Amino acid sequence: MTLLDGKKTSEAIQSEIAAEVAHIKEQGGKVPHLAAILVGQDGGSMTYVNNKVLACERVGFASTLLHYETDITEEVLLAKIKEINEDAEIDGLIVQLPLPKHISSDKVLEVMDYKKDVDGFHPVNVGRMVAGLPAYLPATPYGIMQLLERYNIDTKGKHCVVVGRSNIVGTPISILMSKCTLPGEATVTICHRNTVDLAHHTRQADILIVAVGKPGLITEDMVKEGAVVIDVGTTRVTDATRERGWRLRGDVDFEKVAPKCSYITPVPGGVGPLTISMLLKNTLRAAKNEVYS
């Protein structure tokens, strides 16, 4: 069994980005600039956005953080997004979710310039991904593909089972794994809450990707020998032995499942660290006009 070390892979990707940014600066080129919008005081969202800003600093990006109170109106927020759309200095824009209930996430997404949508959630980027055209890929699926590529995991002709169909992870990774690229070229089954006999499907997986947010959902008897297991779940569970009173747990019962696997991601330290790195990668691509000239 080999651990798929997302932290190590993330550090390597960020080092590559930093080197490229340093070269851009030496040549007098434009430094990539990421803007992030945060609404409200949710602790998890604030930590996540702050980590993105710190990551920008590490690789040499410029960054702008716009933090608004929960009572900001939808009209004002949409106007600010339109303003950023027109700002040639800003290459990428992310709006941290969730948003307050009085603000439509769909409206926010659709108002955003798809050429600056480095989260890869705009309908134009999703459509281009499905069509196999250049696009900004959603960060977590993009990170999974990087793990598979950098660990030289063979995906061609393999049976990939994806548990979870969210627009953020499950659906896009199922599309990417079926594409005529490597990693990819897999036969894909996607499972969800209405799937009958989930274990029947997961036991057939050469590559099992789980992203539902249910700690310990995948047990030892649900995984076949030699499978590659990618656990995207990160749920806080109570743990009195920890100083903070909790720990992160994945959707896979790691201790029991790991011995059966050829490769498996830990939680934490697996897919999670790659999400911010792939966001940076998308921002660099935006600054270089690699997707949209």
Protein backbone atom coordinates (compact mmCIF):
# COMPACT_ATOMS: atom_id res chain seq x y z
CA MET A 1 0.00 0.00 0.00
CA THR A 2 1.30 3.43 -1.00
CA LEU A 3 0.02 6.67 0.51
CA LEU A 4 -0.95 9.32 -2.02
CA ASP A 5 0.72 12.26 -0.29
CA GLY A 6 -1.30 15.34 -1.21
CA LYS A 7 0.76 17.62 1.01
CA LYS A 8 4.02 16.66 -0.68
CA THR A 9 2.44 16.90 -4.14
CA SER A 10 0.92 20.28 -3.31
CA GLU A 11 4.28 21.62 -2.16
CA ALA A 12 5.88 20.45 -5.40
CA ILE A 13 3.20 22.16 -7.51
CA GLN A 14 3.50 25.41 -5.57
CA SER A 15 7.29 25.32 -5.97
CA GLU A 16 6.83 24.94 -9.72
CA ILE A 17 4.40 27.86 -9.79
CA ALA A 18 6.71 30.03 -7.69
CA ALA A 19 9.61 29.34 -10.05
CA GLU A 20 7.49 30.31 -13.05
CA VAL A 21 6.28 33.51 -11.36
CA ALA A 22 9.89 34.41 -10.51
CA HIS A 23 10.77 33.98 -14.19
CA ILE A 24 7.81 36.17 -15.22
CA LYS A 25 9.02 38.90 -12.86
CA GLU A 26 12.57 38.66 -14.23
CA GLN A 27 11.20 39.15 -17.73
CA GLY A 28 9.14 42.16 -16.64
CA GLY A 29 5.85 40.36 -17.18
CA LYS A 30 2.56 40.75 -15.35
CA VAL A 31 2.38 39.12 -11.92
CA PRO A 32 -0.73 36.89 -11.53
CA HIS A 33 -3.40 38.52 -9.36
CA LEU A 34 -6.16 36.63 -7.52
CA ALA A 35 -9.12 38.39 -5.90
CA ALA A 36 -11.26 36.67 -3.27
CA ILE A 37 -14.64 37.77 -1.95
CA LEU A 38 -15.77 36.65 1.48
CA VAL A 39 -19.18 37.46 2.97
CA GLY A 40 -19.85 37.03 6.68
CA GLN A 41 -17.88 35.68 9.62
CA ASP A 42 -18.02 31.90 9.13
CA GLY A 43 -14.87 30.55 10.80
CA GLY A 44 -14.22 27.79 8.29
CA SER A 45 -14.66 30.10 5.30
CA MET A 46 -12.43 32.75 6.85
CA THR A 47 -9.67 30.23 7.49
CA TYR A 48 -9.94 28.82 3.99
CA VAL A 49 -9.80 32.23 2.31
CA ASN A 50 -6.90 33.35 4.50
CA ASN A 51 -5.02 30.19 3.50
CA LYS A 52 -5.58 31.09 -0.15
CA VAL A 53 -4.16 34.56 0.44
CA LEU A 54 -1.11 33.11 2.22
CA ALA A 55 -0.60 30.66 -0.65
CA CYS A 56 -0.62 33.58 -3.09
CA GLU A 57 2.16 35.20 -1.07
CA ARG A 58 4.21 31.98 -1.08
CA VAL A 59 4.21 31.70 -4.87
CA GLY A 60 4.64 35.41 -5.55
CA PHE A 61 1.10 36.28 -6.69
CA ALA A 62 -0.62 39.56 -5.96
CA SER A 63 -3.88 39.09 -4.06
CA THR A 64 -6.90 41.14 -3.00
CA LEU A 65 -9.28 40.07 -0.24
CA LEU A 66 -12.67 41.77 -0.13
CA HIS A 67 -14.52 40.96 3.11
CA TYR A 68 -18.13 42.08 3.52
CA GLU A 69 -20.58 41.80 6.37
CA THR A 70 -23.50 39.39 6.12
CA ASP A 71 -25.98 42.21 5.53
CA ILE A 72 -24.47 43.24 2.19
CA THR A 73 -27.22 43.30 -0.43
CA GLU A 74 -27.20 41.05 -3.44
CA GLU A 75 -27.28 44.13 -5.68
CA VAL A 76 -24.14 45.61 -4.12
CA LEU A 77 -22.26 42.31 -4.28
CA LEU A 78 -23.14 41.74 -7.93
CA ALA A 79 -22.04 45.28 -8.74
CA LYS A 80 -18.67 44.63 -7.09
CA ILE A 81 -18.22 41.44 -9.10
CA LYS A 82 -18.95 43.36 -12.32
CA GLU A 83 -16.35 45.94 -11.26
CA ILE A 84 -13.75 43.19 -10.81
CA ASN A 85 -14.72 41.74 -14.20
CA GLU A 86 -13.59 45.03 -15.77
CA ASP A 87 -10.37 45.31 -13.79
CA ALA A 88 -7.56 44.27 -16.13
CA GLU A 89 -5.14 43.93 -13.21
CA ILE A 90 -7.12 41.02 -11.70
CA ASP A 91 -6.71 37.67 -13.45
CA GLY A 92 -8.78 35.38 -11.23
CA LEU A 93 -11.80 35.81 -8.98
CA ILE A 94 -13.28 33.48 -6.39
CA VAL A 95 -16.38 34.03 -4.26
CA GLN A 96 -16.24 31.90 -1.11
CA LEU A 97 -19.30 29.76 -0.47
CA PRO A 98 -21.66 29.43 1.27
CA LEU A 99 -23.26 32.85 0.86
CA PRO A 100 -26.04 34.29 3.07
CA LYS A 101 -29.50 33.02 2.12
CA HIS A 102 -30.60 36.35 0.64
CA ILE A 103 -27.86 36.16 -2.01
CA SER A 104 -28.27 33.78 -4.95
CA SER A 105 -25.13 31.73 -5.57
CA ASP A 106 -26.36 31.09 -9.11
CA LYS A 107 -26.66 34.81 -9.84
CA VAL A 108 -23.20 35.44 -8.42
CA LEU A 109 -21.73 32.70 -10.59
CA GLU A 110 -23.46 33.82 -13.76
CA VAL A 111 -22.47 37.49 -13.31
CA MET A 112 -18.80 36.55 -12.90
CA ASP A 113 -16.63 36.78 -16.01
CA TYR A 114 -16.01 33.16 -16.98
CA LYS A 115 -12.51 34.15 -18.10
CA LYS A 116 -11.72 34.96 -14.43
CA ASP A 117 -13.61 31.99 -12.94
CA VAL A 118 -10.57 30.16 -11.57
CA ASP A 119 -12.82 27.96 -9.39
CA GLY A 120 -14.09 26.42 -12.64
CA PHE A 121 -17.78 26.57 -11.68
CA HIS A 122 -19.16 28.95 -14.33
CA PRO A 123 -21.48 27.21 -16.84
CA VAL A 124 -19.13 28.17 -19.67
CA ASN A 125 -16.15 26.47 -18.02
CA VAL A 126 -18.25 23.44 -17.10
CA GLY A 127 -19.53 23.19 -20.68
CA ARG A 128 -16.04 23.48 -22.13
CA MET A 129 -14.80 20.80 -19.75
CA VAL A 130 -17.57 18.45 -20.91
CA ALA A 131 -16.78 19.22 -24.55
CA GLY A 132 -13.08 18.58 -24.00
CA LEU A 133 -12.12 22.20 -24.74
CA PRO A 134 -9.57 24.20 -22.73
CA ALA A 135 -11.20 25.33 -19.48
CA TYR A 136 -10.51 26.11 -15.84
CA LEU A 137 -11.11 22.81 -14.06
CA PRO A 138 -12.73 22.71 -10.60
CA ALA A 139 -9.86 22.68 -8.12
CA THR A 140 -10.56 19.45 -6.23
CA PRO A 141 -11.09 17.23 -9.31
CA TYR A 142 -8.07 18.93 -10.89
CA GLY A 143 -6.06 17.98 -7.80
CA ILE A 144 -7.21 14.37 -7.98
CA MET A 145 -6.08 14.17 -11.60
CA GLN A 146 -2.70 15.57 -10.58
CA LEU A 147 -2.31 12.92 -7.89
CA LEU A 148 -3.08 10.15 -10.35
CA GLU A 149 -0.68 11.59 -12.92
CA ARG A 150 2.22 12.28 -10.59
CA TYR A 151 2.01 8.82 -8.98
CA ASN A 152 1.86 7.24 -12.46
CA ILE A 153 -1.39 5.42 -11.69
CA ASP A 154 -2.74 3.60 -14.73
CA THR A 155 -6.34 4.67 -15.44
CA LYS A 156 -6.78 3.52 -19.05
CA GLY A 157 -9.53 0.92 -19.28
CA LYS A 158 -9.94 0.79 -15.50
CA HIS A 159 -13.30 0.79 -13.77
CA CYS A 160 -13.66 4.00 -11.80
CA VAL A 161 -16.51 4.26 -9.30
CA VAL A 162 -17.37 7.74 -8.02
CA VAL A 163 -19.52 7.99 -4.90
CA GLY A 164 -21.17 11.41 -4.78
CA ARG A 165 -22.52 13.56 -7.61
CA SER A 166 -21.93 17.14 -6.43
CA ASN A 167 -21.13 19.83 -8.98
CA ILE A 168 -17.95 20.57 -7.04
CA VAL A 169 -16.37 17.09 -7.03
CA GLY A 170 -18.40 14.03 -8.01
CA THR A 171 -19.85 15.08 -11.36
CA PRO A 172 -16.73 16.82 -12.75
CA ILE A 173 -14.34 14.04 -11.71
CA SER A 174 -16.61 11.46 -13.35
CA ILE A 175 -16.40 13.47 -16.58
CA LEU A 176 -12.64 13.93 -16.41
CA MET A 177 -12.00 10.25 -15.69
CA SER A 178 -13.97 9.23 -18.78
CA LYS A 179 -12.24 11.67 -21.16
CA CYS A 180 -9.80 10.61 -23.88
CA THR A 181 -6.83 11.86 -21.91
CA LEU A 182 -4.44 10.39 -19.40
CA PRO A 183 -5.29 10.28 -16.57
CA GLY A 184 -8.67 9.30 -17.94
CA GLU A 185 -9.87 6.71 -20.47
CA ALA A 186 -11.66 4.93 -17.61
CA THR A 187 -15.09 3.30 -17.53
CA VAL A 188 -16.99 5.34 -14.96
CA THR A 189 -19.89 4.48 -12.65
CA ILE A 190 -21.34 7.29 -10.54
CA CYS A 191 -23.23 6.43 -7.35
CA HIS A 192 -25.40 8.61 -5.12
CA ARG A 193 -27.90 8.51 -2.26
CA ASN A 194 -30.46 6.57 -4.31
CA THR A 195 -28.02 3.93 -5.57
CA VAL A 196 -29.26 0.45 -4.69
CA ASP A 197 -26.63 -1.78 -3.03
CA LEU A 198 -23.75 0.68 -3.00
CA ALA A 199 -21.28 -2.00 -1.90
CA HIS A 200 -22.00 -4.03 -5.05
CA HIS A 201 -20.68 -1.14 -7.13
CA THR A 202 -17.74 -0.10 -4.95
CA ARG A 203 -16.41 -3.67 -4.84
CA GLN A 204 -16.02 -3.55 -8.62
CA ALA A 205 -13.88 -0.40 -8.58
CA ASP A 206 -10.26 -0.43 -9.71
CA ILE A 207 -10.29 3.25 -8.75
CA LEU A 208 -12.74 4.37 -6.04
CA ILE A 209 -13.33 8.10 -5.51
CA VAL A 210 -15.56 9.04 -2.57
CA ALA A 211 -16.87 12.57 -1.93
CA VAL A 212 -20.04 12.63 0.17
CA GLY A 213 -19.10 13.93 3.62
CA LYS A 214 -20.20 10.84 5.58
CA PRO A 215 -17.39 9.69 7.90
CA GLY A 216 -16.53 6.01 7.58
CA LEU A 217 -19.11 5.32 4.86
CA ILE A 218 -16.76 3.03 2.93
CA THR A 219 -15.83 -0.02 4.99
CA GLU A 220 -13.37 -2.85 4.43
CA ASP A 221 -15.90 -5.18 2.83
CA MET A 222 -16.80 -2.53 0.22
CA VAL A 223 -13.34 -2.36 -1.40
CA LYS A 224 -11.62 -4.97 -3.54
CA GLU A 225 -8.00 -6.01 -3.13
CA GLY A 226 -5.54 -3.73 -4.89
CA ALA A 227 -7.93 -0.85 -5.46
CA VAL A 228 -6.84 2.77 -5.67
CA VAL A 229 -8.92 4.76 -3.16
CA ILE A 230 -9.29 8.55 -3.27
CA ASP A 231 -11.05 9.91 -0.17
CA VAL A 232 -12.28 13.49 -0.61
CA GLY A 233 -14.34 13.58 2.59
CA THR A 234 -13.24 15.90 5.41
CA THR A 235 -15.70 15.97 8.30
CA ARG A 236 -15.02 17.22 11.82
CA VAL A 237 -15.76 14.52 14.39
CA THR A 238 -15.54 14.78 18.16
CA ASP A 239 -12.25 13.56 19.63
CA ALA A 240 -11.68 14.14 23.34
CA THR A 241 -8.03 13.07 23.00
CA ARG A 242 -7.25 16.14 20.88
CA GLU A 243 -6.62 19.54 22.44
CA ARG A 244 -9.08 21.19 20.07
CA GLY A 245 -11.71 18.53 20.82
CA TRP A 246 -12.12 17.29 17.24
CA ARG A 247 -10.31 15.74 14.30
CA LEU A 248 -10.91 15.40 10.59
CA ARG A 249 -12.23 12.09 9.31
CA GLY A 250 -12.72 10.95 5.75
CA ASP A 251 -15.52 9.04 4.05
CA VAL A 252 -13.36 5.89 4.10
CA ASP A 253 -12.59 3.79 7.19
CA PHE A 254 -8.88 4.32 6.58
CA GLU A 255 -7.43 1.93 9.18
CA LYS A 256 -9.43 -1.04 7.92
CA VAL A 257 -9.45 -0.23 4.21
CA ALA A 258 -5.83 0.87 3.69
CA PRO A 259 -4.25 -2.63 3.94
CA LYS A 260 -6.38 -3.77 0.96
CA CYS A 261 -5.34 -0.89 -1.29
CA SER A 262 -2.53 -0.39 -3.79
CA TYR A 263 -2.82 3.38 -3.24
CA ILE A 264 -4.93 5.44 -0.84
CA THR A 265 -5.19 9.09 0.24
CA PRO A 266 -5.01 9.90 3.96
CA VAL A 267 -7.33 12.39 5.68
CA PRO A 268 -6.02 14.93 6.35
CA GLY A 269 -3.08 15.31 3.99
CA GLY A 270 -4.55 13.71 0.87
CA VAL A 271 -6.74 15.59 -1.58
CA GLY A 272 -7.31 18.63 0.66
CA PRO A 273 -3.91 20.34 0.29
CA LEU A 274 -4.16 20.16 -3.50
CA THR A 275 -7.31 22.26 -3.76
CA ILE A 276 -5.57 25.58 -3.13
CA SER A 277 -2.59 24.59 -5.31
CA MET A 278 -4.86 23.91 -8.28
CA LEU A 279 -6.64 27.22 -7.71
CA LEU A 280 -3.22 28.87 -7.98
CA LYS A 281 -2.52 26.84 -11.12
CA ASN A 282 -5.75 28.10 -12.70
CA THR A 283 -4.86 31.69 -11.77
CA LEU A 284 -1.44 31.33 -13.38
CA ARG A 285 -3.09 29.97 -16.53
CA ALA A 286 -5.47 32.95 -16.50
CA ALA A 287 -2.59 35.42 -16.20
CA LYS A 288 -0.84 33.73 -19.13
CA ASN A 289 -4.03 33.63 -21.24
CA GLU A 290 -3.61 29.90 -21.71
CA VAL A 291 -7.34 29.16 -21.76
CA TYR A 292 -8.86 32.34 -23.16
CA SER A 293 -6.68 34.53 -25.36
